């Protein structure tokens, strides 16, 4: 199963790109960590319009067979074992792609959360886009090591 992190915008910090690349390298033995992005919507005074436009762009990249996991501060808290169960269930049911969507500066529109198979959060606090990408990449690596029974050196 391919794990894909789908973001609004590309991010801007080189250290974050390097960290995500390192986790992708570690994850390659299990299919790697795909990174896709959509364009940021220009803000013209209407936050709801930005959320909707960005969410529509995200939805346009998601296949009907993809499992969509929306990362949202309003989502469900998962401990590590529940996160493992989520990924493992996708792998065992023959899912080809599990897509983890990170929103833009104003978050996701309800239409994206409605399409989602799961809505979870990395934290109850809102975090910078680049930090969220790094945290998510690390968590996906941790999950895969647990799924595969490989020790993860802290």
Protein backbone atom coordinates (compact mmCIF):
# COMPACT_ATOMS: atom_id res chain seq x y z
CA UNK A 1 0.00 0.00 0.00
CA UNK A 2 1.30 3.43 -0.92
CA UNK A 3 1.25 6.09 1.80
CA UNK A 4 0.77 9.60 0.40
CA UNK A 5 0.93 12.95 2.18
CA UNK A 6 -1.20 15.44 0.28
CA UNK A 7 -0.71 19.08 1.20
CA UNK A 8 -1.95 22.52 0.28
CA UNK A 9 1.19 24.31 -0.87
CA UNK A 10 4.74 23.04 -0.85
CA UNK A 11 6.02 24.35 2.46
CA UNK A 12 9.02 26.54 2.80
CA UNK A 13 11.61 25.21 5.22
CA UNK A 14 14.57 23.25 3.89
CA UNK A 15 14.98 21.43 7.20
CA UNK A 16 11.41 20.13 6.90
CA UNK A 17 12.04 18.92 3.35
CA UNK A 18 15.19 17.15 4.55
CA UNK A 19 13.35 15.50 7.45
CA UNK A 20 10.47 14.28 5.25
CA UNK A 21 13.01 13.00 2.68
CA UNK A 22 14.77 11.04 5.43
CA UNK A 23 11.53 9.36 6.50
CA UNK A 24 10.68 8.65 2.85
CA UNK A 25 14.08 6.97 2.48
CA UNK A 26 13.41 4.84 5.56
CA UNK A 27 9.92 3.95 4.31
CA UNK A 28 11.03 2.87 0.81
CA UNK A 29 11.29 -0.78 1.82
CA UNK A 30 7.50 -0.64 2.41
CA UNK A 31 6.56 1.44 -0.64
CA UNK A 32 7.88 4.85 0.34
CA UNK A 33 6.07 8.00 1.28
CA UNK A 34 4.54 9.86 -1.61
CA UNK A 35 4.27 13.63 -1.45
CA UNK A 36 1.70 15.51 -3.50
CA UNK A 37 0.46 19.05 -3.26
CA UNK A 38 -2.16 21.39 -4.60
CA UNK A 39 -1.95 25.13 -5.09
CA UNK A 40 -2.73 27.54 -2.28
CA UNK A 41 -5.83 29.64 -2.92
CA UNK A 42 -5.15 33.37 -2.85
CA UNK A 43 -6.92 35.05 0.06
CA UNK A 44 -9.40 37.69 -1.08
CA UNK A 45 -11.13 38.38 2.23
CA UNK A 46 -13.24 35.20 2.49
CA UNK A 47 -11.79 32.39 4.61
CA UNK A 48 -14.63 30.01 3.74
CA UNK A 49 -13.97 30.50 0.02
CA UNK A 50 -10.29 29.67 0.53
CA UNK A 51 -11.12 26.51 2.52
CA UNK A 52 -13.63 25.38 -0.09
CA UNK A 53 -11.35 26.01 -3.09
CA UNK A 54 -8.39 24.23 -1.48
CA UNK A 55 -10.56 21.31 -0.36
CA UNK A 56 -11.97 20.96 -3.86
CA UNK A 57 -8.42 20.83 -5.23
CA UNK A 58 -7.49 18.17 -2.69
CA UNK A 59 -10.58 16.13 -3.58
CA UNK A 60 -9.73 16.30 -7.28
CA UNK A 61 -6.49 14.37 -6.62
CA UNK A 62 -8.10 11.58 -4.60
CA UNK A 63 -9.22 8.44 -6.37
CA UNK A 64 -12.53 6.80 -5.48
CA UNK A 65 -10.67 3.74 -4.13
CA UNK A 66 -8.19 5.76 -2.09
CA UNK A 67 -8.59 5.77 1.66
CA UNK A 68 -8.63 9.42 2.69
CA UNK A 69 -7.39 10.36 6.13
CA UNK A 70 -7.99 14.04 6.79
CA UNK A 71 -5.65 15.57 9.32
CA UNK A 72 -7.69 18.14 11.20
CA UNK A 73 -7.57 19.60 14.72
CA UNK A 74 -11.26 18.68 15.07
CA UNK A 75 -10.45 15.04 14.33
CA UNK A 76 -10.22 12.05 16.58
CA UNK A 77 -7.19 11.53 18.81
CA UNK A 78 -5.39 8.31 18.00
CA UNK A 79 -2.69 6.80 20.14
CA UNK A 80 0.10 4.94 18.39
CA UNK A 81 -1.64 1.57 18.56
CA UNK A 82 -4.87 2.97 17.09
CA UNK A 83 -2.86 4.61 14.30
CA UNK A 84 -1.18 1.24 13.63
CA UNK A 85 -4.63 -0.40 13.49
CA UNK A 86 -5.85 2.20 10.99
CA UNK A 87 -2.91 1.64 8.62
CA UNK A 88 -2.86 -2.12 9.13
CA UNK A 89 -6.57 -2.38 8.30
CA UNK A 90 -5.95 -0.58 5.02
CA UNK A 91 -3.06 -2.87 4.16
CA UNK A 92 -5.01 -6.02 4.99
CA UNK A 93 -8.08 -4.96 3.02
CA UNK A 94 -6.08 -4.42 -0.17
CA UNK A 95 -6.12 -0.62 -0.26
CA UNK A 96 -3.68 0.66 -2.91
CA UNK A 97 -3.30 4.22 -1.58
CA UNK A 98 -3.87 5.74 1.83
CA UNK A 99 -3.84 9.52 1.46
CA UNK A 100 -3.22 11.80 4.44
CA UNK A 101 -4.46 15.33 3.68
CA UNK A 102 -2.97 18.36 5.44
CA UNK A 103 -4.87 21.61 4.98
CA UNK A 104 -3.74 25.08 4.21
CA UNK A 105 -3.56 28.08 6.52
CA UNK A 106 -7.32 28.05 7.14
CA UNK A 107 -7.82 24.30 7.39
CA UNK A 108 -10.24 22.01 5.58
CA UNK A 109 -13.77 22.60 4.37
CA UNK A 110 -16.55 20.33 5.64
CA UNK A 111 -16.87 18.78 2.15
CA UNK A 112 -13.41 17.22 2.52
CA UNK A 113 -14.16 15.91 6.01
CA UNK A 114 -17.41 14.45 4.63
CA UNK A 115 -15.52 12.47 1.94
CA UNK A 116 -12.89 11.30 4.44
CA UNK A 117 -12.74 7.73 5.59
CA UNK A 118 -11.10 8.98 8.80
CA UNK A 119 -10.63 12.41 10.37
CA UNK A 120 -7.81 12.45 12.89
CA UNK A 121 -5.53 14.98 14.46
CA UNK A 122 -1.85 15.12 15.19
CA UNK A 123 -2.46 17.53 18.04
CA UNK A 124 -5.24 19.54 19.59
CA UNK A 125 -3.08 22.59 18.87
CA UNK A 126 -2.85 23.99 15.37
CA UNK A 127 0.67 23.65 14.04
CA UNK A 128 2.75 25.05 11.22
CA UNK A 129 2.33 23.23 7.91
CA UNK A 130 5.97 22.12 7.73
CA UNK A 131 6.00 20.88 11.31
CA UNK A 132 2.81 18.90 10.67
CA UNK A 133 4.43 17.26 7.62
CA UNK A 134 7.48 16.22 9.63
CA UNK A 135 5.39 14.92 12.54
CA UNK A 136 3.13 12.98 10.18
CA UNK A 137 6.10 11.48 8.29
CA UNK A 138 7.68 10.36 11.57
CA UNK A 139 4.42 8.86 12.79
CA UNK A 140 3.94 6.96 9.54
CA UNK A 141 7.46 5.58 9.83
CA UNK A 142 6.78 4.55 13.43
CA UNK A 143 3.50 2.90 12.39
CA UNK A 144 5.17 0.93 9.62
CA UNK A 145 7.96 -0.30 11.89
CA UNK A 146 5.30 -1.56 14.29
CA UNK A 147 3.28 -3.15 11.47
CA UNK A 148 6.39 -4.93 10.23
CA UNK A 149 7.83 -5.82 13.63
CA UNK A 150 11.00 -3.85 12.97
CA UNK A 151 12.67 -2.12 15.90
CA UNK A 152 12.52 1.65 15.81
CA UNK A 153 15.55 3.25 17.35
CA UNK A 154 14.54 6.40 19.16
